[in-house]
PDB file of all heavy atoms in Angstrom:
ATOM      1  N   PHE A   1     180.857   7.174  -7.516  1.00  0.00           N
ATOM      2  CA  PHE A   1     180.365   6.024  -6.763  1.00  0.00           C
ATOM      3  C   PHE A   1     180.719   4.724  -7.482  1.00  0.00           C
ATOM      4  O   PHE A   1     180.174   3.666  -7.166  1.00  0.00           O
ATOM      5  CB  PHE A   1     178.844   6.110  -6.605  1.00  0.00           C
ATOM      6  CG  PHE A   1     178.383   7.271  -5.771  1.00  0.00           C
ATOM      7  CD1 PHE A   1     177.856   8.406  -6.376  1.00  0.00           C
ATOM      8  CD2 PHE A   1     178.477   7.243  -4.390  1.00  0.00           C
ATOM      9  CE1 PHE A   1     177.424   9.476  -5.617  1.00  0.00           C
ATOM     10  CE2 PHE A   1     178.055   8.307  -3.619  1.00  0.00           C
ATOM     11  CZ  PHE A   1     177.524   9.434  -4.231  1.00  0.00           C
ATOM     12  N   ALA A   2     181.617   4.794  -8.449  1.00  0.00           N
ATOM     13  CA  ALA A   2     181.906   3.648  -9.303  1.00  0.00           C
ATOM     14  C   ALA A   2     182.374   2.425  -8.528  1.00  0.00           C
ATOM     15  O   ALA A   2     181.956   1.292  -8.817  1.00  0.00           O
ATOM     16  CB  ALA A   2     182.947   4.027 -10.360  1.00  0.00           C
ATOM     17  N   ASP A   3     183.241   2.609  -7.536  1.00  0.00           N
ATOM     18  CA  ASP A   3     183.741   1.470  -6.774  1.00  0.00           C
ATOM     19  C   ASP A   3     182.622   0.786  -5.991  1.00  0.00           C
ATOM     20  O   ASP A   3     182.566  -0.440  -5.903  1.00  0.00           O
ATOM     21  CB  ASP A   3     184.844   1.913  -5.813  1.00  0.00           C
ATOM     22  CG  ASP A   3     186.133   2.279  -6.545  1.00  0.00           C
ATOM     23  OD1 ASP A   3     186.255   1.925  -7.730  1.00  0.00           O
ATOM     24  OD2 ASP A   3     187.013   2.922  -5.925  1.00  0.00           O
ATOM     25  N   VAL A   4     181.735   1.580  -5.409  1.00  0.00           N
ATOM     26  CA  VAL A   4     180.610   1.016  -4.660  1.00  0.00           C
ATOM     27  C   VAL A   4     179.706   0.232  -5.610  1.00  0.00           C
ATOM     28  O   VAL A   4     179.306  -0.900  -5.322  1.00  0.00           O
ATOM     29  CB  VAL A   4     179.801   2.125  -3.963  1.00  0.00           C
ATOM     30  CG1 VAL A   4     178.572   1.539  -3.270  1.00  0.00           C
ATOM     31  CG2 VAL A   4     180.657   2.870  -2.961  1.00  0.00           C
ATOM     32  N   VAL A   5     179.400   0.827  -6.746  1.00  0.00           N
ATOM     33  CA  VAL A   5     178.514   0.176  -7.712  1.00  0.00           C
ATOM     34  C   VAL A   5     179.113  -1.139  -8.200  1.00  0.00           C
ATOM     35  O   VAL A   5     178.409  -2.156  -8.327  1.00  0.00           O
ATOM     36  CB  VAL A   5     178.224   1.119  -8.898  1.00  0.00           C
ATOM     37  CG1 VAL A   5     177.445   0.379  -9.990  1.00  0.00           C
ATOM     38  CG2 VAL A   5     177.458   2.346  -8.421  1.00  0.00           C
ATOM     39  N   ASP A   6     180.412  -1.151  -8.469  1.00  0.00           N
ATOM     40  CA  ASP A   6     181.062  -2.379  -8.924  1.00  0.00           C
ATOM     41  C   ASP A   6     180.898  -3.507  -7.909  1.00  0.00           C
ATOM     42  O   ASP A   6     180.776  -4.678  -8.281  1.00  0.00           O
ATOM     43  CB  ASP A   6     182.548  -2.134  -9.171  1.00  0.00           C
ATOM     44  CG  ASP A   6     182.800  -1.348 -10.460  1.00  0.00           C
ATOM     45  OD1 ASP A   6     181.861  -1.260 -11.277  1.00  0.00           O
ATOM     46  OD2 ASP A   6     183.919  -0.835 -10.626  1.00  0.00           O
ATOM     47  N   ARG A   7     180.901  -3.156  -6.625  1.00  0.00           N
ATOM     48  CA  ARG A   7     180.796  -4.189  -5.598  1.00  0.00           C
ATOM     49  C   ARG A   7     179.374  -4.692  -5.405  1.00  0.00           C
ATOM     50  O   ARG A   7     179.166  -5.850  -5.067  1.00  0.00           O
ATOM     51  CB  ARG A   7     181.336  -3.654  -4.267  1.00  0.00           C
ATOM     52  CG  ARG A   7     182.840  -3.420  -4.259  1.00  0.00           C
ATOM     53  CD  ARG A   7     183.345  -3.341  -2.831  1.00  0.00           C
ATOM     54  NE  ARG A   7     182.622  -2.329  -2.054  1.00  0.00           N
ATOM     55  CZ  ARG A   7     182.985  -1.052  -2.003  1.00  0.00           C
ATOM     56  NH1 ARG A   7     184.006  -0.618  -2.727  1.00  0.00           N
ATOM     57  NH2 ARG A   7     182.320  -0.201  -1.260  1.00  0.00           N
ATOM     58  N   VAL A   8     178.381  -3.836  -5.593  1.00  0.00           N
ATOM     59  CA  VAL A   8     177.015  -4.224  -5.226  1.00  0.00           C
ATOM     60  C   VAL A   8     176.171  -4.748  -6.382  1.00  0.00           C
ATOM     61  O   VAL A   8     175.208  -5.473  -6.162  1.00  0.00           O
ATOM     62  CB  VAL A   8     176.275  -3.049  -4.568  1.00  0.00           C
ATOM     63  CG1 VAL A   8     177.026  -2.563  -3.357  1.00  0.00           C
ATOM     64  CG2 VAL A   8     176.042  -1.911  -5.550  1.00  0.00           C
ATOM     65  N   ARG A   9     176.514  -4.398  -7.602  1.00  0.00           N
ATOM     66  CA  ARG A   9     175.598  -4.664  -8.712  1.00  0.00           C
ATOM     67  C   ARG A   9     175.356  -6.146  -8.950  1.00  0.00           C
ATOM     68  O   ARG A   9     174.307  -6.548  -9.446  1.00  0.00           O
ATOM     69  CB  ARG A   9     176.096  -3.992  -9.987  1.00  0.00           C
ATOM     70  CG  ARG A   9     177.403  -4.519 -10.536  1.00  0.00           C
ATOM     71  CD  ARG A   9     177.791  -3.739 -11.785  1.00  0.00           C
ATOM     72  NE  ARG A   9     176.676  -3.653 -12.719  1.00  0.00           N
ATOM     73  CZ  ARG A   9     176.378  -2.562 -13.438  1.00  0.00           C
ATOM     74  NH1 ARG A   9     177.119  -1.480 -13.325  1.00  0.00           N
ATOM     75  NH2 ARG A   9     175.350  -2.579 -14.256  1.00  0.00           N
ATOM     76  N   GLY A  10     176.291  -7.019  -8.564  1.00  0.00           N
ATOM     77  CA  GLY A  10     176.095  -8.456  -8.767  1.00  0.00           C
ATOM     78  C   GLY A  10     174.987  -9.046  -7.934  1.00  0.00           C
ATOM     79  O   GLY A  10     174.477 -10.130  -8.227  1.00  0.00           O
ATOM     80  N   ALA A  11     174.560  -8.357  -6.876  1.00  0.00           N
ATOM     81  CA  ALA A  11     173.511  -8.867  -5.999  1.00  0.00           C
ATOM     82  C   ALA A  11     172.132  -8.332  -6.368  1.00  0.00           C
ATOM     83  O   ALA A  11     171.128  -8.724  -5.774  1.00  0.00           O
ATOM     84  CB  ALA A  11     173.832  -8.510  -4.552  1.00  0.00           C
ATOM     85  N   VAL A  12     172.068  -7.430  -7.337  1.00  0.00           N
ATOM     86  CA  VAL A  12     170.778  -6.864  -7.751  1.00  0.00           C
ATOM     87  C   VAL A  12     170.253  -7.661  -8.939  1.00  0.00           C
ATOM     88  O   VAL A  12     170.986  -7.959  -9.867  1.00  0.00           O
ATOM     89  CB  VAL A  12     170.913  -5.383  -8.113  1.00  0.00           C
ATOM     90  CG1 VAL A  12     169.550  -4.803  -8.483  1.00  0.00           C
ATOM     91  CG2 VAL A  12     171.514  -4.614  -6.955  1.00  0.00           C
ATOM     92  N   VAL A  13     168.995  -8.019  -8.900  1.00  0.00           N
ATOM     93  CA  VAL A  13     168.417  -8.873  -9.931  1.00  0.00           C
ATOM     94  C   VAL A  13     167.153  -8.255 -10.501  1.00  0.00           C
ATOM     95  O   VAL A  13     166.543  -7.377  -9.903  1.00  0.00           O
ATOM     96  CB  VAL A  13     168.088 -10.274  -9.369  1.00  0.00           C
ATOM     97  CG1 VAL A  13     169.352 -10.986  -8.929  1.00  0.00           C
ATOM     98  CG2 VAL A  13     167.103 -10.175  -8.219  1.00  0.00           C
ATOM     99  N   SER A  14     166.765  -8.763 -11.665  1.00  0.00           N
ATOM    100  CA  SER A  14     165.481  -8.410 -12.259  1.00  0.00           C
ATOM    101  C   SER A  14     164.497  -9.516 -11.908  1.00  0.00           C
ATOM    102  O   SER A  14     164.806 -10.701 -12.031  1.00  0.00           O
ATOM    103  CB  SER A  14     165.614  -8.293 -13.776  1.00  0.00           C
ATOM    104  OG  SER A  14     164.342  -8.186 -14.368  1.00  0.00           O
ATOM    105  N   VAL A  15     163.323  -9.132 -11.434  1.00  0.00           N
ATOM    106  CA  VAL A  15     162.292 -10.097 -11.067  1.00  0.00           C
ATOM    107  C   VAL A  15     161.230 -10.111 -12.165  1.00  0.00           C
ATOM    108  O   VAL A  15     160.575  -9.101 -12.408  1.00  0.00           O
ATOM    109  CB  VAL A  15     161.637  -9.733  -9.719  1.00  0.00           C
ATOM    110  CG1 VAL A  15     160.590 -10.776  -9.340  1.00  0.00           C
ATOM    111  CG2 VAL A  15     162.686  -9.616  -8.634  1.00  0.00           C
ATOM    112  N   LYS A  16     161.074 -11.259 -12.818  1.00  0.00           N
ATOM    113  CA  LYS A  16     160.061 -11.415 -13.858  1.00  0.00           C
ATOM    114  C   LYS A  16     158.978 -12.355 -13.346  1.00  0.00           C
ATOM    115  O   LYS A  16     159.274 -13.443 -12.853  1.00  0.00           O
ATOM    116  CB  LYS A  16     160.680 -11.968 -15.136  1.00  0.00           C
ATOM    117  CG  LYS A  16     161.663 -11.015 -15.807  1.00  0.00           C
ATOM    118  CD  LYS A  16     162.132 -11.560 -17.149  1.00  0.00           C
ATOM    119  CE  LYS A  16     163.036 -10.559 -17.862  1.00  0.00           C
ATOM    120  NZ  LYS A  16     163.470 -11.058 -19.191  1.00  0.00           N
ATOM    121  N   VAL A  17     157.741 -11.933 -13.481  1.00  0.00           N
ATOM    122  CA  VAL A  17     156.622 -12.697 -12.926  1.00  0.00           C
ATOM    123  C   VAL A  17     155.533 -12.850 -13.983  1.00  0.00           C
ATOM    124  O   VAL A  17     155.116 -11.869 -14.602  1.00  0.00           O
ATOM    125  CB  VAL A  17     156.023 -11.983 -11.684  1.00  0.00           C
ATOM    126  CG1 VAL A  17     154.925 -12.827 -11.064  1.00  0.00           C
ATOM    127  CG2 VAL A  17     157.105 -11.685 -10.673  1.00  0.00           C
ATOM    128  N   LYS A  18     155.061 -14.076 -14.183  1.00  0.00           N
ATOM    129  CA  LYS A  18     153.937 -14.305 -15.091  1.00  0.00           C
ATOM    130  C   LYS A  18     152.648 -13.947 -14.368  1.00  0.00           C
ATOM    131  O   LYS A  18     152.389 -14.419 -13.261  1.00  0.00           O
ATOM    132  CB  LYS A  18     153.899 -15.761 -15.538  1.00  0.00           C
ATOM    133  CG  LYS A  18     154.995 -16.134 -16.517  1.00  0.00           C
ATOM    134  CD  LYS A  18     154.823 -17.564 -17.003  1.00  0.00           C
ATOM    135  CE  LYS A  18     155.914 -17.932 -18.013  1.00  0.00           C
ATOM    136  NZ  LYS A  18     155.773 -19.335 -18.484  1.00  0.00           N
ATOM    137  N   VAL A  19     151.853 -13.104 -15.006  1.00  0.00           N
ATOM    138  CA  VAL A  19     150.578 -12.673 -14.438  1.00  0.00           C
ATOM    139  C   VAL A  19     149.469 -13.144 -15.356  1.00  0.00           C
ATOM    140  O   VAL A  19     149.396 -12.726 -16.517  1.00  0.00           O
ATOM    141  CB  VAL A  19     150.507 -11.141 -14.283  1.00  0.00           C
ATOM    142  CG1 VAL A  19     149.153 -10.726 -13.720  1.00  0.00           C
ATOM    143  CG2 VAL A  19     151.636 -10.652 -13.378  1.00  0.00           C
ATOM    144  N   THR A  20     148.606 -14.039 -14.866  1.00  0.00           N
ATOM    145  CA  THR A  20     147.493 -14.549 -15.663  1.00  0.00           C
ATOM    146  C   THR A  20     146.278 -13.691 -15.413  1.00  0.00           C
ATOM    147  O   THR A  20     145.817 -13.557 -14.276  1.00  0.00           O
ATOM    148  CB  THR A  20     147.182 -16.001 -15.305  1.00  0.00           C
ATOM    149  OG1 THR A  20     148.354 -16.794 -15.523  1.00  0.00           O
ATOM    150  CG2 THR A  20     146.050 -16.535 -16.163  1.00  0.00           C
ATOM    151  N   GLU A  21     145.748 -13.115 -16.491  1.00  0.00           N
ATOM    152  CA  GLU A  21     144.556 -12.279 -16.380  1.00  0.00           C
ATOM    153  C   GLU A  21     143.334 -13.129 -16.646  1.00  0.00           C
ATOM    154  O   GLU A  21     143.268 -13.877 -17.622  1.00  0.00           O
ATOM    155  CB  GLU A  21     144.607 -11.128 -17.375  1.00  0.00           C
ATOM    156  CG  GLU A  21     145.709 -10.147 -17.059  1.00  0.00           C
ATOM    157  CD  GLU A  21     145.390  -8.789 -17.631  1.00  0.00           C
ATOM    158  OE1 GLU A  21     144.630  -8.741 -18.602  1.00  0.00           O
ATOM    159  OE2 GLU A  21     145.892  -7.799 -17.109  1.00  0.00           O
ATOM    160  N   ASP A  22     142.328 -13.015 -15.768  1.00  0.00           N
ATOM    161  CA  ASP A  22     141.103 -13.785 -15.934  1.00  0.00           C
ATOM    162  C   ASP A  22     140.301 -13.273 -17.110  1.00  0.00           C
ATOM    163  O   ASP A  22     140.472 -12.146 -17.583  1.00  0.00           O
ATOM    164  CB  ASP A  22     140.235 -13.688 -14.673  1.00  0.00           C
ATOM    165  CG  ASP A  22     140.924 -14.334 -13.488  1.00  0.00           C
ATOM    166  OD1 ASP A  22     141.710 -15.283 -13.714  1.00  0.00           O
ATOM    167  OD2 ASP A  22     140.677 -13.895 -12.354  1.00  0.00           O
ATOM    168  N   ALA A  23     139.395 -14.123 -17.566  1.00  0.00           N
ATOM    169  CA  ALA A  23     138.495 -13.703 -18.637  1.00  0.00           C
ATOM    170  C   ALA A  23     137.683 -12.521 -18.154  1.00  0.00           C
ATOM    171  O   ALA A  23     137.354 -12.393 -16.981  1.00  0.00           O
ATOM    172  CB  ALA A  23     137.570 -14.852 -19.029  1.00  0.00           C
ATOM    173  N   GLU A  24     137.346 -11.645 -19.068  1.00  0.00           N
ATOM    174  CA  GLU A  24     136.588 -10.457 -18.708  1.00  0.00           C
ATOM    175  C   GLU A  24     135.194 -10.837 -18.232  1.00  0.00           C
ATOM    176  O   GLU A  24     134.635 -11.852 -18.620  1.00  0.00           O
ATOM    177  CB  GLU A  24     136.491  -9.520 -19.911  1.00  0.00           C
ATOM    178  CG  GLU A  24     137.843  -8.967 -20.336  1.00  0.00           C
ATOM    179  CD  GLU A  24     137.705  -8.132 -21.590  1.00  0.00           C
ATOM    180  OE1 GLU A  24     137.167  -8.643 -22.574  1.00  0.00           O
ATOM    181  OE2 GLU A  24     138.147  -6.981 -21.565  1.00  0.00           O
ATOM    182  N   SER A  25     134.632 -10.013 -17.389  1.00  0.00           N
ATOM    183  CA  SER A  25     133.299 -10.282 -16.866  1.00  0.00           C
ATOM    184  C   SER A  25     132.259 -10.098 -17.953  1.00  0.00           C
ATOM    185  O   SER A  25     132.500  -9.510 -19.000  1.00  0.00           O
ATOM    186  CB  SER A  25     132.995  -9.313 -15.715  1.00  0.00           C
ATOM    187  OG  SER A  25     132.927  -7.992 -16.204  1.00  0.00           O
ATOM    188  N   ASP A  26     131.065 -10.616 -17.691  1.00  0.00           N
ATOM    189  CA  ASP A  26     129.991 -10.511 -18.690  1.00  0.00           C
ATOM    190  C   ASP A  26     129.674  -9.065 -19.012  1.00  0.00           C
ATOM    191  O   ASP A  26     129.293  -8.731 -20.114  1.00  0.00           O
ATOM    192  CB  ASP A  26     128.729 -11.208 -18.170  1.00  0.00           C
ATOM    193  CG  ASP A  26     128.905 -12.732 -18.133  1.00  0.00           C
ATOM    194  OD1 ASP A  26     129.781 -13.229 -18.862  1.00  0.00           O
ATOM    195  OD2 ASP A  26     128.175 -13.388 -17.376  1.00  0.00           O
ATOM    196  N   ASP A  27     129.825  -8.182 -18.006  1.00  0.00           N
ATOM    197  CA  ASP A  27     129.514  -6.769 -18.232  1.00  0.00           C
ATOM    198  C   ASP A  27     130.448  -6.141 -19.250  1.00  0.00           C
ATOM    199  O   ASP A  27     130.121  -5.132 -19.871  1.00  0.00           O
ATOM    200  CB  ASP A  27     129.626  -5.995 -16.912  1.00  0.00           C
ATOM    201  CG  ASP A  27     128.508  -6.367 -15.966  1.00  0.00           C
ATOM    202  OD1 ASP A  27     127.496  -6.907 -16.441  1.00  0.00           O
ATOM    203  OD2 ASP A  27     128.668  -6.123 -14.753  1.00  0.00           O
ATOM    204  N   SER A  28     131.663  -6.724 -19.424  1.00  0.00           N
ATOM    205  CA  SER A  28     132.639  -6.124 -20.322  1.00  0.00           C
ATOM    206  C   SER A  28     132.577  -6.715 -21.719  1.00  0.00           C
ATOM    207  O   SER A  28     133.279  -6.283 -22.607  1.00  0.00           O
ATOM    208  CB  SER A  28     134.050  -6.315 -19.755  1.00  0.00           C
ATOM    209  OG  SER A  28     134.371  -7.688 -19.710  1.00  0.00           O
ATOM    210  N   LYS A  29     131.755  -7.756 -21.908  1.00  0.00           N
ATOM    211  CA  LYS A  29     131.684  -8.386 -23.215  1.00  0.00           C
ATOM    212  C   LYS A  29     130.885  -7.523 -24.180  1.00  0.00           C
ATOM    213  O   LYS A  29     129.874  -6.919 -23.815  1.00  0.00           O
ATOM    214  CB  LYS A  29     131.018  -9.761 -23.106  1.00  0.00           C
ATOM    215  CG  LYS A  29     131.844 -10.762 -22.305  1.00  0.00           C
ATOM    216  CD  LYS A  29     131.121 -12.089 -22.207  1.00  0.00           C
ATOM    217  CE  LYS A  29     131.927 -13.098 -21.384  1.00  0.00           C
ATOM    218  NZ  LYS A  29     131.219 -14.386 -21.245  1.00  0.00           N
ATOM    219  N   PRO A  30     131.295  -7.448 -25.431  1.00  0.00           N
ATOM    220  CA  PRO A  30     130.568  -6.664 -26.410  1.00  0.00           C
ATOM    221  C   PRO A  30     129.160  -7.207 -26.602  1.00  0.00           C
ATOM    222  O   PRO A  30     128.912  -8.404 -26.435  1.00  0.00           O
ATOM    223  CB  PRO A  30     131.399  -6.832 -27.689  1.00  0.00           C
ATOM    224  CG  PRO A  30     132.749  -7.250 -27.217  1.00  0.00           C
ATOM    225  CD  PRO A  30     132.523  -8.035 -25.984  1.00  0.00           C
ATOM    226  N   ASN A  31     128.276  -6.352 -26.967  1.00  0.00           N
ATOM    227  CA  ASN A  31     126.899  -6.741 -27.209  1.00  0.00           C
ATOM    228  C   ASN A  31     126.759  -7.236 -28.641  1.00  0.00           C
ATOM    229  O   ASN A  31     126.675  -6.454 -29.584  1.00  0.00           O
ATOM    230  CB  ASN A  31     125.980  -5.533 -26.953  1.00  0.00           C
ATOM    231  CG  ASN A  31     124.512  -5.918 -27.097  1.00  0.00           C
ATOM    232  OD1 ASN A  31     124.175  -7.091 -27.058  1.00  0.00           O
ATOM    233  ND2 ASN A  31     123.672  -4.908 -27.253  1.00  0.00           N
ATOM    234  N   ILE A  32     126.766  -8.557 -28.820  1.00  0.00           N
ATOM    235  CA  ILE A  32     126.678  -9.130 -30.163  1.00  0.00           C
ATOM    236  C   ILE A  32     125.210  -9.252 -30.543  1.00  0.00           C
ATOM    237  O   ILE A  32     124.423  -9.854 -29.821  1.00  0.00           O
ATOM    238  CB  ILE A  32     127.344 -10.518 -30.200  1.00  0.00           C
ATOM    239  CG1 ILE A  32     128.808 -10.393 -29.781  1.00  0.00           C
ATOM    240  CG2 ILE A  32     127.209 -11.145 -31.579  1.00  0.00           C
ATOM    241  CD1 ILE A  32     129.511 -11.717 -29.679  1.00  0.00           C
ATOM    242  N   PRO A  33     124.803  -8.706 -31.668  1.00  0.00           N
ATOM    243  CA  PRO A  33     123.399  -8.735 -32.052  1.00  0.00           C
ATOM    244  C   PRO A  33     122.932 -10.151 -32.369  1.00  0.00           C
ATOM    245  O   PRO A  33     123.710 -11.009 -32.770  1.00  0.00           O
ATOM    246  CB  PRO A  33     123.365  -7.852 -33.307  1.00  0.00           C
ATOM    247  CG  PRO A  33     124.749  -7.943 -33.856  1.00  0.00           C
ATOM    248  CD  PRO A  33     125.644  -8.045 -32.671  1.00  0.00           C
ATOM    249  N   GLN A  34     121.641 -10.404 -32.149  1.00  0.00           N
ATOM    250  CA  GLN A  34     121.049 -11.688 -32.520  1.00  0.00           C
ATOM    251  C   GLN A  34     120.865 -11.723 -34.039  1.00  0.00           C
ATOM    252  O   GLN A  34     120.274 -10.835 -34.637  1.00  0.00           O
ATOM    253  CB  GLN A  34     119.695 -11.847 -31.827  1.00  0.00           C
ATOM    254  CG  GLN A  34     119.794 -11.905 -30.302  1.00  0.00           C
ATOM    255  CD  GLN A  34     120.539 -13.150 -29.870  1.00  0.00           C
ATOM    256  OE1 GLN A  34     120.382 -14.227 -30.451  1.00  0.00           O
ATOM    257  NE2 GLN A  34     121.366 -13.007 -28.835  1.00  0.00           N
ATOM    258  N   LEU A  35     121.426 -12.755 -34.663  1.00  0.00           N
ATOM    259  CA  LEU A  35     121.392 -12.855 -36.123  1.00  0.00           C
ATOM    260  C   LEU A  35     120.571 -14.064 -36.541  1.00  0.00           C
ATOM    261  O   LEU A  35     120.523 -15.088 -35.845  1.00  0.00           O
ATOM    262  CB  LEU A  35     122.816 -12.973 -36.678  1.00  0.00           C
ATOM    263  CG  LEU A  35     123.773 -11.838 -36.277  1.00  0.00           C
ATOM    264  CD1 LEU A  35     125.180 -12.182 -36.745  1.00  0.00           C
ATOM    265  CD2 LEU A  35     123.308 -10.520 -36.875  1.00  0.00           C
ATOM    266  N   SER A  36     119.950 -13.949 -37.696  1.00  0.00           N
ATOM    267  CA  SER A  36     119.174 -15.071 -38.220  1.00  0.00           C
ATOM    268  C   SER A  36     120.110 -16.160 -38.707  1.00  0.00           C
ATOM    269  O   SER A  36     121.257 -15.896 -39.074  1.00  0.00           O
ATOM    270  CB  SER A  36     118.283 -14.592 -39.382  1.00  0.00           C
ATOM    271  OG  SER A  36     119.089 -14.131 -40.451  1.00  0.00           O
TER     272      SER A  36
END
């Protein structure tokens, strides 16, 4: 399939997307002890 691949590969791209993750919910936060 080399000839076909040579013709088509220039139109194929890699899509990179920035994904922003929100801060974790209160339920997921560690339980920090009350300190003096």
